[in-house]
Amino acid sequence: MHTDRTTTGSSLTALCPDLREALTRVRYDADTLLEVLGPETHAALGRSEPVPVRRAARDAGELGVLIRLLLLGDPVPEREAAAALAPVDIDRAVAAGLLERDGDLVGAALDLRPLDAGAGNRWVLSDLDDSMRRRTLTEDHVLGVGHASLSLLRATPTRPVGSVLDLGTGCGVQAVHATSYATSVTGTDVNPRALWLAEATAALNGLDIELLEGSWFEPVAGRRFDQVVANPPFVVGPARVEHTYRDSGLALDGASELVVSRAADLLAPGGTAAMLSAWVHVDGEDWRSRVSSWLPDHGVDAWIVQRDVADPALYVGTWLRDAGLDPRDPAAQARAEQWLDAFAAAEVEGVGFGFVYLRAIDGPTELLAEDLTHGFDDPLGEEATRYFERSAWLRAVAADPGLAWSARFEVDPHTALERVSLPGEEGWREQVLRVHRGDGPRWQHEVDEAAVSLLAGMRPDGLPLYDLVELLAVARGADEVSPEFAADALSVVGGLVRHGLIRPVP
């Protein structure tokens, strides 16, 4: 497909300066919405329950008009819309595709909602979904800010970088977010309608984002970026395209495989990628092996986090509803049959979902793939950055163990020791010792008494690791540190460093 810079200069984009003035004047922003609606009614909005929101909007003046018009999709009298959207000309807004007219009423033709992902208020334009009114989504439907995009926003590292690529930008929400920490941002998409909306979203927020049309990696062939973010059409299913925002045309988890296997080619030295991905769980195959087979043999440090595993039937039903289909409808049931037949033929037992983080390194590929299906609230973005820093230190130790032996360590302030007692034949008896982090992903490691003693001796002004291990060996009745004891200690320390429960003192 031909690729070039998308500079449509559409009438919707031209409307955005006046629209931004109106939204700012009426205070149609994330903080004010929460303030006006209140936490309970704002939560009802997230549950797709329009009645409480509509009731709260009645007494909110011009902001209430925009809530009804833009958030609920209610038609409103044209004179009310004109007053709330001034200086926007209603005729221009209809011609631009923002509004539609029905007699004396006007309604929203697009979804326009505020978002604050931690860098201040932004507005995002997308196609109307079926959250407030039943709709059947078209093939080129452009998804707005959904649960997946919000989870990626929270999971993306935001330390300052030079260049960011948003692969498959959709409505542009990830690209808009990236402008808060990057010098330059590029977004790509195969769907021209997505780029039309992303361009308007950028203009509405007064942002400069390079937008390129094309399939997968073609628009940026030969270029390298300091960071890549991707929320690709990763839905796992038959090789078909019913909705471009979710379907890739590749069978099963082929889209995730393609993006994960090629993303490293887009990274500048030391660059990182943060991507949403999905993978099938196949009978007799470890999902970790499946995903690790997608990576190149050289040049990548990978951290793969599985956040959930869905039953095939639940997975299919969820995505049918996502497209505005009723699973009770005969046509929807036929699609479900085809989908589940494809899963059965491939012996799919479940569908895993999570994040793939990559860092470009000069060396053999390293991989940690792990389940983090337990609940935690802290975003993963900063944790991913720290993970790669810890991983780099461990690579240096692998090349020169003396770096660890001569280092002093400290226990992270959020790390706690837990002694778990379980019932036995003679009452309660101690079974398990664990150290766990109380922040971030809340990792926990089982340890023994020797490791507990080792951790107890760690402090910034204390002894180097080898001296601690030597004292521990003597305390356990040994004359010297055996190679086996040293290797075990170094292995324990390495695991705890990798997950941030302890850290070397600079």
Protein backbone atom coordinates (compact mmCIF):
# COMPACT_ATOMS: atom_id res chain seq x y z
CA MET A 1 0.00 0.00 0.00
CA HIS A 2 1.20 3.48 -0.80
CA THR A 3 2.21 5.39 2.30
CA ASP A 4 2.61 9.10 2.77
CA ARG A 5 2.03 11.80 5.29
CA THR A 6 -1.64 12.32 5.99
CA THR A 7 -2.36 16.02 5.61
CA THR A 8 -6.04 16.00 4.85
CA GLY A 9 -6.67 19.44 6.28
CA SER A 10 -10.26 18.25 6.63
CA SER A 11 -13.18 20.47 7.46
CA LEU A 12 -13.34 18.69 10.82
CA THR A 13 -9.74 19.66 11.57
CA ALA A 14 -10.47 23.24 10.45
CA LEU A 15 -13.35 23.35 12.91
CA CYS A 16 -11.16 22.39 15.88
CA PRO A 17 -9.86 25.82 17.00
CA ASP A 18 -13.42 27.10 17.48
CA LEU A 19 -14.45 23.79 19.03
CA ARG A 20 -11.54 23.94 21.48
CA GLU A 21 -12.59 27.46 22.46
CA ALA A 22 -16.13 26.26 23.15
CA LEU A 23 -15.09 23.20 25.14
CA THR A 24 -12.71 25.31 27.22
CA ARG A 25 -15.31 28.02 27.85
CA VAL A 26 -17.97 25.52 29.01
CA ARG A 27 -15.34 23.54 30.97
CA TYR A 28 -16.08 20.30 29.18
CA ASP A 29 -13.06 18.61 30.77
CA ALA A 30 -12.37 15.49 32.83
CA ASP A 31 -12.12 17.21 36.22
CA THR A 32 -15.25 19.32 35.79
CA LEU A 33 -17.29 16.34 34.59
CA LEU A 34 -16.36 14.41 37.71
CA GLU A 35 -17.15 17.45 39.86
CA VAL A 36 -20.55 18.09 38.24
CA LEU A 37 -21.70 14.49 37.97
CA GLY A 38 -20.26 13.31 41.27
CA PRO A 39 -18.45 9.99 41.75
CA GLU A 40 -21.57 7.79 41.75
CA THR A 41 -23.12 9.25 38.61
CA HIS A 42 -19.72 9.36 36.88
CA ALA A 43 -19.42 5.64 37.63
CA ALA A 44 -22.86 5.12 36.04
CA LEU A 45 -21.49 6.73 32.89
CA GLY A 46 -18.74 4.11 32.84
CA ARG A 47 -21.38 1.39 33.24
CA SER A 48 -23.31 2.67 30.19
CA GLU A 49 -26.31 3.74 32.32
CA PRO A 50 -27.54 7.02 30.79
CA VAL A 51 -30.48 7.87 33.06
CA PRO A 52 -28.50 9.05 36.15
CA VAL A 53 -26.18 11.06 33.91
CA ARG A 54 -29.08 12.65 32.05
CA ARG A 55 -30.73 13.64 35.32
CA ALA A 56 -27.53 15.23 36.61
CA ALA A 57 -27.07 17.13 33.33
CA ARG A 58 -30.45 18.87 33.63
CA ASP A 59 -29.11 21.44 36.09
CA ALA A 60 -25.63 21.84 34.60
CA GLY A 61 -26.38 24.62 32.10
CA GLU A 62 -24.40 24.64 28.88
CA LEU A 63 -22.10 21.93 30.20
CA GLY A 64 -25.19 19.79 30.72
CA VAL A 65 -26.17 20.37 27.09
CA LEU A 66 -22.77 19.06 25.95
CA ILE A 67 -23.01 16.09 28.31
CA ARG A 68 -26.36 15.13 26.76
CA LEU A 69 -25.20 15.85 23.22
CA LEU A 70 -21.68 14.42 23.22
CA LEU A 71 -21.59 11.83 26.02
CA LEU A 72 -25.13 10.44 25.95
CA GLY A 73 -25.85 10.92 22.25
CA ASP A 74 -29.15 12.69 22.97
CA PRO A 75 -30.59 15.00 20.30
CA VAL A 76 -30.93 18.55 21.66
CA PRO A 77 -32.64 21.67 20.28
CA GLU A 78 -30.37 23.39 17.77
CA ARG A 79 -30.56 26.71 19.63
CA GLU A 80 -29.26 25.03 22.83
CA ALA A 81 -26.44 23.34 20.91
CA ALA A 82 -25.52 26.61 19.20
CA ALA A 83 -25.30 28.43 22.53
CA ALA A 84 -23.25 25.69 24.21
CA LEU A 85 -20.87 25.30 21.25
CA ALA A 86 -20.38 29.00 20.41
CA PRO A 87 -18.33 30.16 18.50
CA VAL A 88 -18.79 26.91 16.50
CA ASP A 89 -21.15 27.40 13.57
CA ILE A 90 -23.71 24.57 13.57
CA ASP A 91 -23.87 24.39 9.76
CA ARG A 92 -20.09 24.02 9.63
CA ALA A 93 -20.20 21.37 12.35
CA VAL A 94 -22.79 19.37 10.40
CA ALA A 95 -20.82 19.69 7.16
CA ALA A 96 -17.63 18.63 8.97
CA GLY A 97 -19.25 15.44 10.27
CA LEU A 98 -19.28 16.39 13.96
CA LEU A 99 -23.04 16.86 14.23
CA GLU A 100 -26.14 15.74 12.34
CA ARG A 101 -29.40 17.64 12.00
CA ASP A 102 -32.94 16.25 12.37
CA GLY A 103 -35.46 19.06 11.98
CA ASP A 104 -34.99 21.47 14.87
CA LEU A 105 -32.78 18.99 16.72
CA VAL A 106 -29.10 18.24 16.36
CA GLY A 107 -27.25 15.16 17.51
CA ALA A 108 -23.66 14.05 17.72
CA ALA A 109 -22.27 12.22 14.68
CA LEU A 110 -19.02 11.53 16.55
CA ASP A 111 -17.97 10.71 20.09
CA LEU A 112 -16.08 13.57 21.75
CA ARG A 113 -15.00 13.06 25.33
CA PRO A 114 -12.44 14.47 27.72
CA LEU A 115 -9.65 12.37 29.18
CA ASP A 116 -6.95 12.98 31.75
CA ALA A 117 -4.35 10.23 31.66
CA GLY A 118 -2.00 12.06 34.02
CA ALA A 119 -0.77 14.85 31.78
CA GLY A 120 -3.74 17.20 31.95
CA ASN A 121 -7.02 17.28 30.08
CA ARG A 122 -7.21 16.09 26.48
CA TRP A 123 -10.18 15.62 24.14
CA VAL A 124 -10.54 12.55 21.97
CA LEU A 125 -12.70 12.22 18.85
CA SER A 126 -13.86 8.79 17.72
CA ASP A 127 -16.86 7.04 16.22
CA LEU A 128 -20.00 6.61 18.28
CA ASP A 129 -20.14 3.24 20.01
CA ASP A 130 -23.13 1.38 21.38
CA SER A 131 -22.48 2.20 25.04
CA MET A 132 -25.47 4.55 25.32
CA ARG A 133 -27.51 3.63 22.22
CA ARG A 134 -27.72 0.34 20.35
CA ARG A 135 -25.67 0.47 17.16
CA THR A 136 -24.12 -1.98 14.75
CA LEU A 137 -20.51 -1.00 14.14
CA THR A 138 -19.18 -0.62 10.60
CA GLU A 139 -16.00 -2.28 9.35
CA ASP A 140 -14.03 0.98 9.47
CA HIS A 141 -15.37 1.92 12.92
CA VAL A 142 -12.82 3.90 14.92
CA LEU A 143 -12.82 2.88 18.55
CA GLY A 144 -12.67 5.51 21.26
CA VAL A 145 -11.08 5.34 24.69
CA GLY A 146 -11.93 1.82 25.87
CA HIS A 147 -10.66 -0.41 28.63
CA ALA A 148 -7.80 -1.75 26.50
CA SER A 149 -6.52 1.69 25.50
CA LEU A 150 -6.78 2.93 29.09
CA SER A 151 -4.84 -0.07 30.36
CA LEU A 152 -2.09 0.60 27.81
CA LEU A 153 -1.96 4.27 28.82
CA ARG A 154 -1.34 3.19 32.42
CA ALA A 155 1.17 0.58 31.36
CA THR A 156 3.31 2.78 29.10
CA PRO A 157 6.63 4.18 30.36
CA THR A 158 6.54 7.98 30.37
CA ARG A 159 10.12 9.01 31.07
CA PRO A 160 11.16 11.68 28.54
CA VAL A 161 12.28 10.35 25.15
CA GLY A 162 13.01 11.80 21.75
CA SER A 163 10.73 9.99 19.31
CA VAL A 164 7.66 7.79 19.76
CA LEU A 165 5.80 5.65 17.24
CA ASP A 166 2.16 4.78 17.87
CA LEU A 167 1.65 1.75 15.64
CA GLY A 168 -2.02 1.48 14.70
CA THR A 169 -3.00 4.79 16.22
CA GLY A 170 -6.78 4.53 15.78
CA CYS A 171 -8.37 7.67 17.22
CA GLY A 172 -4.90 8.81 18.32
CA VAL A 173 -5.27 8.51 22.09
CA GLN A 174 -1.87 6.84 22.61
CA ALA A 175 -0.18 9.36 20.33
CA VAL A 176 -1.78 12.27 22.18
CA HIS A 177 -0.59 10.79 25.48
CA ALA A 178 2.93 10.39 24.06
CA THR A 179 3.22 14.13 23.34
CA SER A 180 3.46 14.69 27.10
CA TYR A 181 6.83 12.89 27.29
CA ALA A 182 8.24 12.78 23.74
CA THR A 183 9.82 15.41 21.52
CA SER A 184 8.18 14.03 18.37
CA VAL A 185 5.30 11.60 17.84
CA THR A 186 4.34 9.58 14.77
CA GLY A 187 1.10 7.64 14.38
CA THR A 188 0.27 5.11 11.68
CA ASP A 189 -2.92 3.35 10.65
CA VAL A 190 -4.28 1.38 7.70
CA ASN A 191 -7.73 2.92 8.18
CA PRO A 192 -8.10 6.37 6.54
CA ARG A 193 -11.06 7.17 8.78
CA ALA A 194 -8.90 6.58 11.85
CA LEU A 195 -6.33 9.05 10.57
CA TRP A 196 -9.07 11.58 9.80
CA LEU A 197 -10.17 11.42 13.42
CA ALA A 198 -6.64 11.26 14.84
CA GLU A 199 -5.70 14.39 12.88
CA ALA A 200 -8.73 16.21 14.29
CA THR A 201 -7.97 14.95 17.80
CA ALA A 202 -4.44 16.33 17.51
CA ALA A 203 -5.73 19.67 16.23
CA LEU A 204 -8.37 19.85 18.95
CA ASN A 205 -5.61 19.57 21.54
CA GLY A 206 -3.24 21.93 19.71
CA LEU A 207 -0.69 19.15 19.16
CA ASP A 208 1.69 18.39 16.29
CA ILE A 209 1.58 14.67 15.46
CA GLU A 210 2.91 13.11 12.26
CA LEU A 211 0.26 10.78 10.84
CA LEU A 212 0.99 8.21 8.13
CA GLU A 213 -1.36 5.89 6.28
CA GLY A 214 -0.31 2.34 5.55
CA SER A 215 -0.33 -1.29 6.61
CA TRP A 216 1.65 -2.43 9.64
CA PHE A 217 5.30 -1.33 9.32
CA GLU A 218 5.26 0.03 5.77
CA PRO A 219 4.75 3.72 6.62
CA VAL A 220 7.91 3.84 8.75
CA ALA A 221 10.14 1.41 6.87
CA GLY A 222 13.80 2.10 7.65
CA ARG A 223 13.07 4.44 10.56
CA ARG A 224 13.94 3.92 14.23
CA PHE A 225 12.23 5.29 17.33
CA ASP A 226 13.14 5.69 20.99
CA GLN A 227 9.80 4.20 22.00
CA VAL A 228 7.07 2.23 20.27
CA VAL A 229 3.56 1.86 21.64
CA ALA A 230 1.01 -0.41 20.02
CA ASN A 231 -2.60 -1.36 20.64
CA PRO A 232 -2.90 -3.44 17.46
CA PRO A 233 -5.94 -5.40 16.22
CA PHE A 234 -4.94 -8.28 18.47
CA VAL A 235 -8.31 -10.02 18.79
CA VAL A 236 -7.77 -13.77 18.48
CA GLY A 237 -10.02 -15.54 16.01
CA PRO A 238 -10.47 -16.71 12.43
CA ALA A 239 -8.54 -15.01 9.61
CA ARG A 240 -11.11 -12.37 8.73
CA VAL A 241 -11.68 -8.63 9.03
CA GLU A 242 -15.08 -7.54 10.30
CA HIS A 243 -13.80 -4.47 12.16
CA THR A 244 -10.37 -3.01 11.40
CA TYR A 245 -9.88 -1.76 14.95
CA ARG A 246 -9.81 -5.33 16.28
CA ASP A 247 -9.41 -7.79 13.36
CA SER A 248 -6.10 -8.19 11.54
CA GLY A 249 -7.01 -10.75 8.89
CA LEU A 250 -4.42 -13.07 10.44
CA ALA A 251 -5.49 -16.33 12.04
CA LEU A 252 -5.57 -16.76 15.82
CA ASP A 253 -2.79 -14.71 17.49
CA GLY A 254 -1.03 -13.92 14.22
CA ALA A 255 -1.36 -10.15 14.67
CA SER A 256 0.37 -10.21 18.04
CA GLU A 257 3.05 -12.51 16.65
CA LEU A 258 3.68 -10.13 13.74
CA VAL A 259 3.95 -7.01 15.90
CA VAL A 260 6.05 -8.61 18.66
CA SER A 261 8.43 -10.26 16.17
CA ARG A 262 8.99 -7.06 14.17
CA ALA A 263 8.84 -4.35 16.83
CA ALA A 264 12.53 -4.60 17.69
CA ASP A 265 13.37 -3.55 14.11
CA LEU A 266 11.74 -0.20 14.85
CA LEU A 267 13.73 0.54 18.00
CA ALA A 268 16.76 2.79 18.23
CA PRO A 269 19.59 1.46 20.46
CA GLY A 270 18.28 1.34 24.01
CA GLY A 271 14.73 2.02 22.78
CA THR A 272 11.70 0.42 24.37
CA ALA A 273 8.34 -0.91 23.20
CA ALA A 274 5.11 -1.24 25.19
CA MET A 275 2.40 -3.25 23.47
CA LEU A 276 -0.90 -4.92 24.18
CA SER A 277 -0.91 -8.49 22.94
CA ALA A 278 -2.89 -11.70 23.07
CA TRP A 279 -1.86 -15.33 22.67
CA VAL A 280 -3.63 -18.63 22.55
CA HIS A 281 -3.19 -21.34 25.15
CA VAL A 282 -2.95 -24.57 23.16
CA ASP A 283 -3.29 -28.05 24.60
CA GLY A 284 0.17 -29.38 25.48
CA GLU A 285 2.01 -26.08 24.89
CA ASP A 286 3.33 -23.61 27.45
CA TRP A 287 2.16 -20.12 26.55
CA ARG A 288 5.57 -18.77 27.53
CA SER A 289 7.25 -20.91 24.90
CA ARG A 290 4.77 -19.76 22.30
CA VAL A 291 5.35 -16.07 22.89
CA SER A 292 9.11 -16.43 23.30
CA SER A 293 9.27 -18.10 19.87
CA TRP A 294 8.08 -14.82 18.35
CA LEU A 295 11.21 -12.94 19.45
CA PRO A 296 14.45 -12.64 17.49
CA ASP A 297 17.45 -14.54 18.84
CA HIS A 298 19.49 -11.39 19.32
CA GLY A 299 19.00 -7.79 20.36
CA VAL A 300 16.00 -7.82 22.72
CA ASP A 301 15.41 -7.80 26.45
CA ALA A 302 11.76 -8.84 26.82
CA TRP A 303 9.38 -8.71 29.76
CA ILE A 304 6.05 -10.36 28.99
CA VAL A 305 3.22 -10.00 31.47
CA GLN A 306 0.08 -12.12 31.30
CA ARG A 307 -2.75 -10.28 33.04
CA ASP A 308 -5.69 -12.56 32.26
CA VAL A 309 -6.70 -15.81 30.60
CA ALA A 310 -10.20 -16.11 29.12
CA ASP A 311 -12.26 -19.18 28.41
CA PRO A 312 -12.90 -19.41 24.61
CA ALA A 313 -16.68 -19.14 24.94
CA LEU A 314 -16.44 -16.12 27.25
CA TYR A 315 -13.88 -14.53 24.92
CA VAL A 316 -16.11 -14.91 21.85
CA GLY A 317 -19.21 -13.61 23.65
CA THR A 318 -17.30 -10.57 24.92
CA TRP A 319 -16.11 -9.55 21.47
CA LEU A 320 -19.52 -10.14 19.87
CA ARG A 321 -21.01 -7.69 22.37
CA ASP A 322 -18.11 -5.32 21.74
CA ALA A 323 -19.21 -5.10 18.11
CA GLY A 324 -22.77 -4.26 19.14
CA LEU A 325 -24.14 -7.74 18.46
CA ASP A 326 -26.63 -9.59 20.62
CA PRO A 327 -25.42 -13.16 21.26
CA ARG A 328 -29.06 -14.23 21.17
CA ASP A 329 -29.42 -13.09 17.55
CA PRO A 330 -29.22 -15.96 15.00
CA ALA A 331 -26.60 -14.17 12.89
CA ALA A 332 -24.46 -13.55 15.97
CA GLN A 333 -24.82 -17.19 16.96
CA ALA A 334 -23.60 -18.26 13.52
CA ARG A 335 -20.51 -16.09 13.95
CA ALA A 336 -19.93 -17.56 17.40
CA GLU A 337 -20.13 -21.08 15.96
CA GLN A 338 -17.53 -20.25 13.30
CA TRP A 339 -15.28 -18.60 15.88
CA LEU A 340 -15.46 -21.49 18.33
CA ASP A 341 -14.98 -24.00 15.49
CA ALA A 342 -11.71 -22.23 14.62
CA PHE A 343 -10.62 -22.44 18.26
CA ALA A 344 -11.53 -26.11 18.48
CA ALA A 345 -9.63 -26.94 15.29
CA ALA A 346 -6.51 -25.29 16.73
CA GLU A 347 -7.01 -26.97 20.14
CA VAL A 348 -7.28 -23.58 21.86
CA GLU A 349 -8.03 -23.96 25.56
CA GLY A 350 -7.88 -20.29 26.48
CA VAL A 351 -6.80 -16.85 25.33
CA GLY A 352 -4.14 -14.99 27.28
CA PHE A 353 -3.94 -11.23 27.31
CA GLY A 354 -1.32 -8.83 28.61
CA PHE A 355 1.61 -6.58 27.88
CA VAL A 356 4.82 -7.14 25.97
CA TYR A 357 7.72 -4.86 26.87
CA LEU A 358 10.88 -4.87 24.78
CA ARG A 359 14.18 -3.04 25.07
CA ALA A 360 16.77 -3.01 22.31
CA ILE A 361 20.08 -4.35 23.62
CA ASP A 362 23.37 -5.36 22.07
CA GLY A 363 23.48 -9.01 22.97
CA PRO A 364 21.54 -12.28 22.94
CA THR A 365 17.83 -11.98 23.53
CA GLU A 366 16.69 -12.33 27.14
CA LEU A 367 13.15 -13.14 28.19
CA LEU A 368 11.06 -13.18 31.33
CA ALA A 369 7.45 -14.24 30.75
CA GLU A 370 5.31 -14.40 33.86
CA ASP A 371 1.76 -14.42 35.16
CA LEU A 372 0.57 -11.30 36.94
CA THR A 373 -3.09 -12.23 37.07
CA HIS A 374 -3.47 -11.15 40.69
CA GLY A 375 -4.92 -7.74 41.44
CA PHE A 376 -2.78 -4.65 41.83
CA ASP A 377 -3.47 -0.96 41.30
CA ASP A 378 -0.10 0.63 40.54
CA PRO A 379 0.51 1.30 36.82
CA LEU A 380 3.16 -0.80 35.11
CA GLY A 381 4.75 1.94 33.02
CA GLU A 382 7.37 3.10 35.54
CA GLU A 383 7.85 -0.48 36.72
CA ALA A 384 8.76 -1.54 33.18
CA THR A 385 11.45 1.12 32.99
CA ARG A 386 12.89 0.01 36.34
CA TYR A 387 12.65 -3.63 35.30
CA PHE A 388 14.92 -3.00 32.32
CA GLU A 389 17.37 -1.07 34.50
CA ARG A 390 17.55 -3.99 36.92
CA SER A 391 17.85 -6.43 34.04
CA ALA A 392 20.81 -4.47 32.62
CA TRP A 393 22.54 -4.65 36.00
CA LEU A 394 22.00 -8.40 36.13
CA ARG A 395 23.48 -8.80 32.65
CA ALA A 396 26.57 -6.97 33.86
CA VAL A 397 26.75 -9.31 36.86
CA ALA A 398 26.44 -12.36 34.61
CA ALA A 399 29.50 -11.12 32.73
CA ASP A 400 31.37 -10.25 35.96
CA PRO A 401 29.98 -11.79 39.19
CA GLY A 402 32.46 -9.69 41.15
CA LEU A 403 30.15 -6.71 40.60
CA ALA A 404 27.55 -8.39 42.80
CA TRP A 405 29.98 -9.80 45.37
CA SER A 406 31.51 -6.37 45.97
CA ALA A 407 28.18 -4.53 46.02
CA ARG A 408 26.20 -3.47 49.06
CA PHE A 409 22.46 -3.98 48.95
CA GLU A 410 19.40 -2.57 50.65
CA VAL A 411 15.95 -4.01 51.04
CA ASP A 412 13.30 -1.93 49.27
CA PRO A 413 11.16 -0.05 51.84
CA HIS A 414 8.03 -1.69 50.42
CA THR A 415 9.37 -5.22 50.94
CA ALA A 416 7.97 -7.19 53.87
CA LEU A 417 8.69 -10.61 55.35
CA GLU A 418 5.71 -12.89 55.80
CA ARG A 419 5.69 -16.11 57.80
CA VAL A 420 2.76 -18.27 56.72
CA SER A 421 1.59 -21.02 59.04
CA LEU A 422 -0.68 -23.79 57.87
CA PRO A 423 -2.59 -26.36 59.92
CA GLY A 424 -0.94 -29.74 60.36
CA GLU A 425 -1.61 -32.92 62.28
CA GLU A 426 -0.27 -31.38 65.47
CA GLY A 427 -1.81 -27.92 65.09
CA TRP A 428 -0.35 -24.83 63.47
CA ARG A 429 3.15 -25.17 62.16
CA GLU A 430 5.22 -22.82 60.03
CA GLN A 431 5.35 -23.91 56.43
CA VAL A 432 6.35 -21.02 54.20
CA LEU A 433 8.50 -17.91 54.37
CA ARG A 434 7.78 -15.19 51.82
CA VAL A 435 9.09 -11.75 51.03
CA HIS A 436 6.75 -9.57 49.04
CA ARG A 437 6.58 -6.07 47.65
CA GLY A 438 3.73 -3.92 48.80
CA ASP A 439 3.83 -1.70 45.68
CA GLY A 440 4.03 -2.12 41.92
CA PRO A 441 3.06 -5.61 40.76
CA ARG A 442 3.27 -6.87 44.36
CA TRP A 443 5.65 -9.70 43.61
CA GLN A 444 6.36 -12.32 46.25
CA HIS A 445 9.18 -14.84 46.57
CA GLU A 446 9.37 -17.87 48.78
CA VAL A 447 12.64 -17.90 50.72
CA ASP A 448 14.37 -20.00 53.37
CA GLU A 449 15.88 -19.02 56.72
CA ALA A 450 19.31 -18.53 55.12
CA ALA A 451 17.89 -15.97 52.69
CA VAL A 452 16.04 -14.22 55.52
CA SER A 453 19.31 -13.92 57.44
CA LEU A 454 21.04 -12.60 54.33
CA LEU A 455 18.38 -9.93 53.83
CA ALA A 456 18.58 -8.95 57.49
CA GLY A 457 22.23 -8.02 57.01
CA MET A 458 21.67 -5.82 53.96
CA ARG A 459 21.99 -2.07 54.49
CA PRO A 460 23.53 0.78 52.50
CA ASP A 461 26.40 1.27 54.97
CA GLY A 462 26.81 -2.44 55.67
CA LEU A 463 29.02 -5.22 54.37
CA PRO A 464 29.47 -6.19 50.72
CA LEU A 465 27.49 -9.22 49.60
CA TYR A 466 30.41 -11.67 49.72
CA ASP A 467 31.22 -10.73 53.31
CA LEU A 468 27.58 -11.27 54.27
CA VAL A 469 27.53 -14.67 52.60
CA GLU A 470 30.79 -15.57 54.31
CA LEU A 471 29.39 -14.67 57.75
CA LEU A 472 26.24 -16.64 56.97
CA ALA A 473 28.28 -19.71 55.99
CA VAL A 474 30.27 -19.53 59.23
CA ALA A 475 27.08 -19.13 61.26
CA ARG A 476 25.80 -22.30 59.61
CA GLY A 477 28.93 -24.25 60.67
CA ALA A 478 31.00 -24.08 57.48
CA ASP A 479 34.67 -23.16 57.44
CA GLU A 480 34.39 -21.37 54.13
CA VAL A 481 31.89 -20.46 51.39
CA SER A 482 31.40 -23.48 49.16
CA PRO A 483 30.83 -22.92 45.42
CA GLU A 484 27.34 -24.39 45.78
CA PHE A 485 26.43 -22.08 48.67
CA ALA A 486 27.78 -19.06 46.78
CA ALA A 487 25.86 -19.98 43.63
CA ASP A 488 22.63 -20.41 45.60
CA ALA A 489 23.09 -17.06 47.33
CA LEU A 490 23.81 -15.27 44.07
CA SER A 491 20.73 -16.89 42.47
CA VAL A 492 18.48 -15.73 45.32
CA VAL A 493 19.91 -12.22 45.20
CA GLY A 494 19.48 -12.08 41.41
CA GLY A 495 15.82 -13.07 41.61
CA LEU A 496 15.07 -10.52 44.30
CA VAL A 497 16.89 -7.78 42.39
CA ARG A 498 15.00 -8.60 39.18
CA HIS A 499 11.68 -8.00 40.90
CA GLY A 500 12.85 -4.99 42.88
CA LEU A 501 12.56 -6.47 46.37
CA ILE A 502 16.21 -5.54 47.01
CA ARG A 503 18.55 -3.26 45.12
CA PRO A 504 22.26 -2.63 44.85
CA VAL A 505 23.39 0.58 46.47
CA PRO A 506 24.93 2.99 43.94
